[in-house]
Protein backbone atom coordinates (compact mmCIF):
# COMPACT_ATOMS: atom_id res chain seq x y z
CA UNK A 1 52.37 -11.90 63.10
CA UNK A 2 50.37 -12.35 66.26
CA UNK A 3 49.28 -15.90 67.03
CA UNK A 4 46.54 -16.81 69.51
CA UNK A 5 47.29 -20.50 69.82
CA UNK A 6 45.13 -21.23 72.85
CA UNK A 7 42.16 -19.51 71.27
CA UNK A 8 42.59 -21.37 68.01
CA UNK A 9 42.79 -24.77 69.71
CA UNK A 10 39.72 -24.12 71.83
CA UNK A 11 37.65 -22.74 68.97
CA UNK A 12 38.77 -25.53 66.68
CA UNK A 13 37.26 -28.09 69.04
CA UNK A 14 34.06 -26.08 69.22
CA UNK A 15 33.88 -25.64 65.47
CA UNK A 16 34.36 -29.37 64.94
CA UNK A 17 31.31 -30.15 67.05
CA UNK A 18 29.12 -27.64 65.25
CA UNK A 19 30.42 -28.29 61.73
CA UNK A 20 29.96 -32.07 61.89
CA UNK A 21 26.39 -32.13 60.50
CA UNK A 22 27.41 -30.23 57.36
CA UNK A 23 30.33 -32.45 56.49
CA UNK A 24 28.41 -35.60 57.33
CA UNK A 25 25.91 -34.64 54.65
CA UNK A 26 27.44 -36.24 51.59
CA UNK A 27 25.08 -34.23 49.40
CA UNK A 28 24.59 -34.81 45.71
CA UNK A 29 26.68 -35.27 42.60
CA UNK A 30 27.31 -37.34 39.49
CA UNK A 31 29.61 -40.23 38.78
CA UNK A 32 33.05 -38.66 39.18
CA UNK A 33 34.73 -40.73 36.45
CA UNK A 34 36.93 -39.49 33.65
CA UNK A 35 35.20 -36.71 31.76
CA UNK A 36 34.99 -36.11 28.03
CA UNK A 37 35.04 -32.33 28.05
CA UNK A 38 37.62 -29.98 26.62
CA UNK A 39 39.18 -28.05 29.47
CA UNK A 40 36.96 -25.32 30.90
CA UNK A 41 35.69 -24.24 27.47
CA UNK A 42 32.14 -25.26 28.30
CA UNK A 43 28.84 -23.48 27.66
CA UNK A 44 27.69 -23.22 31.28
CA UNK A 45 29.87 -20.28 32.41
CA UNK A 46 29.05 -17.73 35.13
CA UNK A 47 31.31 -14.70 34.70
CA UNK A 48 31.31 -11.94 37.30
CA UNK A 49 33.52 -9.41 39.03
CA UNK A 50 33.68 -7.36 42.22
CA UNK A 51 33.78 -3.69 43.07
CA UNK A 52 34.83 -2.91 46.61
CA UNK A 53 33.06 -5.40 48.86
CA UNK A 54 30.30 -6.23 46.38
CA UNK A 55 29.87 -8.88 43.69
CA UNK A 56 28.85 -7.46 40.32
CA UNK A 57 27.26 -9.33 37.42
CA UNK A 58 26.12 -12.48 39.20
CA UNK A 59 22.86 -13.85 37.75
CA UNK A 60 19.93 -14.82 39.94
CA UNK A 61 19.43 -18.18 38.20
CA UNK A 62 21.66 -20.60 36.31
CA UNK A 63 21.13 -24.07 34.79
CA UNK A 64 22.37 -27.19 36.56
CA UNK A 65 25.26 -29.54 35.82
CA UNK A 66 28.94 -28.78 35.36
CA UNK A 67 29.28 -25.03 35.90
CA UNK A 68 32.34 -22.82 35.44
CA UNK A 69 32.59 -19.76 37.70
CA UNK A 70 34.98 -17.16 36.28
CA UNK A 71 35.58 -14.46 38.88
CA UNK A 72 37.52 -11.29 38.01
CA UNK A 73 38.69 -9.59 41.20
CA UNK A 74 38.22 -5.92 40.40
CA UNK A 75 38.65 -4.88 44.03
CA UNK A 76 41.80 -3.74 45.83
CA UNK A 77 41.99 -6.69 48.22
CA UNK A 78 41.82 -10.49 48.29
CA UNK A 79 38.43 -12.17 47.86
CA UNK A 80 36.90 -15.59 47.24
CA UNK A 81 33.49 -16.82 46.09
CA UNK A 82 32.33 -19.63 48.36
CA UNK A 83 29.32 -21.65 47.18
CA UNK A 84 26.96 -23.28 49.67
CA UNK A 85 23.76 -25.29 49.23
CA UNK A 86 21.15 -23.85 51.60
CA UNK A 87 18.55 -26.03 53.35
CA UNK A 88 14.83 -25.73 53.78
CA UNK A 89 13.39 -25.46 57.30
CA UNK A 90 9.82 -26.70 57.73
CA UNK A 91 9.07 -25.95 54.09
CA UNK A 92 10.71 -22.52 54.11
CA UNK A 93 13.81 -21.97 51.99
CA UNK A 94 16.77 -20.48 53.82
CA UNK A 95 18.32 -17.61 51.83
CA UNK A 96 21.41 -15.41 51.82
CA UNK A 97 19.43 -12.81 53.78
CA UNK A 98 19.08 -15.34 56.60
CA UNK A 99 22.84 -15.85 56.56
CA UNK A 100 23.38 -12.11 56.85
CA UNK A 101 21.00 -11.67 59.77
CA UNK A 102 21.48 -14.94 61.67
CA UNK A 103 25.00 -16.20 60.91
CA UNK A 104 27.30 -13.29 60.04
CA UNK A 105 26.72 -11.39 63.34
CA UNK A 106 27.64 -14.50 65.35
CA UNK A 107 30.97 -14.94 63.58
CA UNK A 108 31.71 -11.22 63.86
CA UNK A 109 30.95 -11.19 67.58
CA UNK A 110 33.31 -14.12 68.12
CA UNK A 111 36.05 -12.42 66.10
CA UNK A 112 35.58 -9.17 67.98
CA UNK A 113 36.09 -11.02 71.26
CA UNK A 114 39.27 -12.64 69.94
CA UNK A 115 40.62 -9.26 68.80
CA UNK A 116 39.76 -7.75 72.19
CA UNK A 117 41.76 -10.48 73.93
CA UNK A 118 38.81 -12.11 75.68
CA UNK A 119 39.14 -15.60 77.07
CA UNK A 120 38.56 -18.39 74.53
CA UNK A 121 35.44 -19.49 76.39
CA UNK A 122 33.89 -16.06 75.80
CA UNK A 123 34.47 -16.27 72.05
CA UNK A 124 33.21 -19.85 71.99
CA UNK A 125 30.02 -18.82 73.76
CA UNK A 126 29.00 -16.68 70.78
CA UNK A 127 28.59 -19.73 68.55
CA UNK A 128 25.77 -21.01 70.71
CA UNK A 129 23.68 -18.38 68.91
CA UNK A 130 24.10 -19.95 65.48
CA UNK A 131 20.75 -21.06 64.01
CA UNK A 132 20.02 -24.79 63.99
CA UNK A 133 19.81 -24.82 60.18
CA UNK A 134 23.45 -23.77 59.91
CA UNK A 135 24.50 -27.37 60.48
CA UNK A 136 22.60 -28.40 57.32
CA UNK A 137 24.42 -26.02 54.98
CA UNK A 138 26.45 -28.05 52.44
CA UNK A 139 29.78 -26.58 51.24
CA UNK A 140 29.99 -26.75 47.43
CA UNK A 141 33.29 -25.10 46.52
CA UNK A 142 33.44 -22.09 44.21
CA UNK A 143 36.40 -19.92 43.15
CA UNK A 144 39.15 -19.80 45.75
CA UNK A 145 41.28 -16.94 47.02
CA UNK A 146 42.27 -14.48 44.31
CA UNK A 147 44.42 -11.36 44.42
CA UNK A 148 43.37 -7.95 43.05
CA UNK A 149 43.46 -7.88 39.26
CA UNK A 150 43.61 -11.67 38.91
CA UNK A 151 40.96 -14.09 37.58
CA UNK A 152 39.90 -17.24 39.43
CA UNK A 153 38.21 -19.95 37.35
CA UNK A 154 36.64 -22.99 38.99
CA UNK A 155 34.24 -25.65 37.70
CA UNK A 156 31.92 -27.61 40.00
CA UNK A 157 28.89 -29.85 39.53
CA UNK A 158 25.63 -28.34 40.80
CA UNK A 159 22.31 -30.10 41.27
CA UNK A 160 19.11 -28.01 41.19
CA UNK A 161 18.65 -26.13 44.44
CA UNK A 162 19.00 -22.83 46.28
CA UNK A 163 22.58 -21.74 46.84
CA UNK A 164 24.41 -18.72 48.10
CA UNK A 165 27.74 -17.34 46.94
CA UNK A 166 29.77 -15.46 49.54
CA UNK A 167 33.10 -13.87 50.36
CA UNK A 168 34.00 -14.21 54.04
CA UNK A 169 37.50 -12.74 53.79
CA UNK A 170 38.09 -9.97 56.35
CA UNK A 171 39.30 -6.37 56.13
CA UNK A 172 41.05 -4.37 58.80
CA UNK A 173 39.16 -1.29 59.94
CA UNK A 174 42.08 1.06 60.64
CA UNK A 175 39.95 3.35 62.81
CA UNK A 176 38.72 0.62 65.16
CA UNK A 177 41.37 -2.10 64.55
CA UNK A 178 38.48 -4.53 63.99
CA UNK A 179 38.83 -7.34 61.45
CA UNK A 180 35.46 -7.29 59.66
CA UNK A 181 34.08 -10.13 57.54
CA UNK A 182 32.87 -9.19 54.04
CA UNK A 183 29.76 -11.38 54.34
CA UNK A 184 27.30 -8.61 55.11
CA UNK A 185 27.72 -6.99 51.68
CA UNK A 186 29.43 -9.69 49.60
CA UNK A 187 26.80 -12.42 49.45
CA UNK A 188 24.05 -13.33 46.99
CA UNK A 189 21.42 -16.00 46.37
CA UNK A 190 21.90 -18.25 43.36
CA UNK A 191 19.08 -20.53 42.19
CA UNK A 192 20.12 -23.57 40.16
CA UNK A 193 17.24 -24.69 37.94
CA UNK A 194 16.22 -28.10 36.59
CA UNK A 195 17.46 -27.13 33.12
CA UNK A 196 20.69 -28.91 32.16
CA UNK A 197 23.42 -26.44 31.23
CA UNK A 198 24.86 -28.88 28.71
CA UNK A 199 28.48 -28.66 29.83
CA UNK A 200 30.84 -31.64 29.90
CA UNK A 201 33.17 -32.54 32.74
CA UNK A 202 36.53 -30.85 32.00
CA UNK A 203 39.79 -32.63 31.20
CA UNK A 204 42.70 -31.99 33.57
CA UNK A 205 46.43 -31.54 32.96
CA UNK A 206 47.28 -32.78 36.48
CA UNK A 207 45.47 -33.66 39.71
CA UNK A 208 45.55 -32.35 43.28
CA UNK A 209 44.34 -34.88 45.84
CA UNK A 210 43.22 -33.84 49.31
CA UNK A 211 43.54 -36.84 51.62
CA UNK A 212 44.13 -37.49 55.29
CA UNK A 213 47.83 -37.60 54.40
CA UNK A 214 47.70 -34.02 53.12
CA UNK A 215 47.92 -32.44 49.65
CA UNK A 216 49.26 -34.76 46.96
CA UNK A 217 50.01 -33.52 43.44
CA UNK A 218 49.79 -36.13 40.68
CA UNK A 219 51.27 -35.22 37.30
CA UNK A 220 53.60 -32.62 35.84
CA UNK A 221 52.91 -28.97 36.63
CA UNK A 222 53.98 -27.14 33.47
CA UNK A 223 53.80 -23.47 32.41
CA UNK A 224 50.87 -22.13 30.40
CA UNK A 225 47.11 -22.21 30.82
CA UNK A 226 46.52 -25.34 32.89
CA UNK A 227 43.52 -27.10 34.38
CA UNK A 228 43.93 -29.21 37.48
CA UNK A 229 41.41 -31.61 38.96
CA UNK A 230 40.81 -31.45 42.72
CA UNK A 231 39.75 -34.70 44.38
CA UNK A 232 38.57 -34.35 47.97
CA UNK A 233 38.93 -37.69 49.73
CA UNK A 234 39.16 -36.41 53.29
CA UNK A 235 36.42 -36.17 55.88
CA UNK A 236 38.66 -34.60 58.53
CA UNK A 237 37.21 -31.64 60.43
CA UNK A 238 39.70 -28.83 60.76
CA UNK A 239 37.70 -26.47 62.94
CA UNK A 240 36.78 -23.82 60.38
CA UNK A 241 33.13 -24.73 59.64
CA UNK A 242 34.07 -25.68 56.08
CA UNK A 243 34.95 -28.71 54.04
CA UNK A 244 38.55 -29.00 52.90
CA UNK A 245 39.86 -26.65 50.21
CA UNK A 246 42.92 -25.88 48.12
CA UNK A 247 44.18 -22.52 46.88
CA UNK A 248 47.12 -21.83 44.57
CA UNK A 249 49.48 -18.94 45.25
CA UNK A 250 52.50 -17.63 43.35
CA UNK A 251 55.45 -17.22 45.72
CA UNK A 252 57.99 -14.41 45.67
CA UNK A 253 61.68 -14.84 46.43
CA UNK A 254 61.14 -13.50 49.94
CA UNK A 255 57.84 -15.29 50.71
CA UNK A 256 57.88 -16.68 54.26
CA UNK A 257 55.95 -19.96 54.30
CA UNK A 258 55.38 -19.61 58.05
CA UNK A 259 53.60 -16.31 57.42
CA UNK A 260 51.53 -17.90 54.66
CA UNK A 261 50.71 -20.76 57.02
CA UNK A 262 49.43 -18.36 59.68
CA UNK A 263 47.46 -16.28 57.19
CA UNK A 264 45.34 -19.24 56.05
CA UNK A 265 43.38 -19.54 59.31
CA UNK A 266 40.49 -17.09 59.57
CA UNK A 267 40.32 -17.77 63.30
CA UNK A 268 43.44 -15.64 63.66
CA UNK A 269 42.56 -11.93 63.65
CA UNK A 270 45.03 -11.27 60.82
CA UNK A 271 44.20 -14.50 59.00
CA UNK A 272 42.34 -13.97 55.70
CA UNK A 273 42.53 -10.27 56.50
CA UNK A 274 45.68 -8.22 55.93
CA UNK A 275 47.60 -8.46 52.64
CA UNK A 276 48.88 -12.04 52.32
CA UNK A 277 52.56 -12.88 51.77
CA UNK A 278 51.84 -14.46 48.35
CA UNK A 279 49.74 -13.78 45.23
CA UNK A 280 46.64 -15.96 45.13
CA UNK A 281 45.41 -17.13 41.73
CA UNK A 282 42.27 -19.07 42.67
CA UNK A 283 41.47 -22.61 43.71
CA UNK A 284 38.39 -24.22 45.15
CA UNK A 285 36.74 -23.44 48.47
CA UNK A 286 35.41 -25.91 51.01
CA UNK A 287 33.61 -28.94 49.59
CA UNK A 288 31.93 -32.02 51.03
CA UNK A 289 33.98 -35.25 51.13
CA UNK A 290 33.94 -37.18 47.85
CA UNK A 291 33.65 -34.03 45.73
CA UNK A 292 35.54 -33.18 42.56
CA UNK A 293 36.24 -29.74 41.12
CA UNK A 294 38.42 -28.26 38.38
CA UNK A 295 40.57 -25.13 38.51
CA UNK A 296 42.01 -23.32 35.48
CA UNK A 297 45.04 -21.10 36.04
CA UNK A 298 47.80 -19.49 34.00
CA UNK A 299 51.21 -20.59 35.28
CA UNK A 300 54.48 -18.87 34.54
CA UNK A 301 57.87 -20.31 35.55
CA UNK A 302 58.49 -19.93 39.26
CA UNK A 303 57.54 -21.21 42.70
CA UNK A 304 53.95 -21.92 43.74
CA UNK A 305 52.13 -23.18 46.81
CA UNK A 306 49.01 -25.32 46.94
CA UNK A 307 47.56 -24.67 50.39
CA UNK A 308 44.37 -25.52 52.27
CA UNK A 309 42.41 -23.02 54.33
CA UNK A 310 42.98 -24.67 57.70
CA UNK A 311 44.86 -23.84 60.86
CA UNK A 312 48.52 -24.95 60.72
CA UNK A 313 48.48 -26.26 57.12
CA UNK A 314 52.22 -27.02 57.18
CA UNK A 315 51.84 -29.19 60.26
CA UNK A 316 49.01 -31.09 58.57
CA UNK A 317 50.88 -31.47 55.24
CA UNK A 318 48.23 -29.23 53.68
CA UNK A 319 50.78 -26.84 52.16
CA UNK A 320 52.71 -28.21 49.17
CA UNK A 321 55.19 -26.23 47.09
CA UNK A 322 56.03 -26.88 43.44
CA UNK A 323 58.43 -25.40 40.93
CA UNK A 324 57.07 -24.62 37.46
CA UNK A 325 60.06 -24.94 35.11
């Protein structure tokens, strides 16, 4: 797999400078103490699917509070469903349409330059065109990477506001060799109302902690339908415009962890693009520091990886493997 190390290092520094306002915004949320729910069997459930590079079945409005997103990947490639809280600018609400017209083309232009082999400074120059409001977007999680035919189920706490839900995975255009982000067609507004959805905080079977030391798994990972709690206690900036994340993948006997490591960085042309070397089952996308989320997944005996969507996750201890007995 091709690596563009110099480009990644240069862009990572640039991304850190631009992403800082988003991650500095600690946002909103409840007391993150022990919940009294019963797994993810809660009333506030948003169930949807995808066809090609389009979400299908997403509502326009949902109530607030603990919310379970159950995403069935009906497409033939990997996807995710990243939630973000959009800001207002001088009394005008930013929407998903603004992201499509003002943000997506900037990222695509930078990626095109990387694919074309341009100097890192040329790719970096594209990000000067990002709108000022982009730094006020707050990452809020949502269902993580999921393979075709699988279901990703993630619960997060949402205050009233105007959100967008997006897949920014890439696809390879075999005619042009371009790696194209899905954002233009796989994005939607989601309004969270003042009405309380009535759901309780779920109860977890084990916990996954994201800290400056890396990914730490607390508790026994056993087979069956399991819910794990994700605690994000890490304000590190990894150069990908997002808060930290964790995704769970089932490993095959011949899975190369170095290939999985390289695939997790979207800054690489083939990262988050070609078919990954493992089967993703969900997780939680980027969140602001101090956040908590819950992921429900069916585990069969075998080897699994919990991995963050950063550059060089192994080197940062952000890729942890476990054996389910």
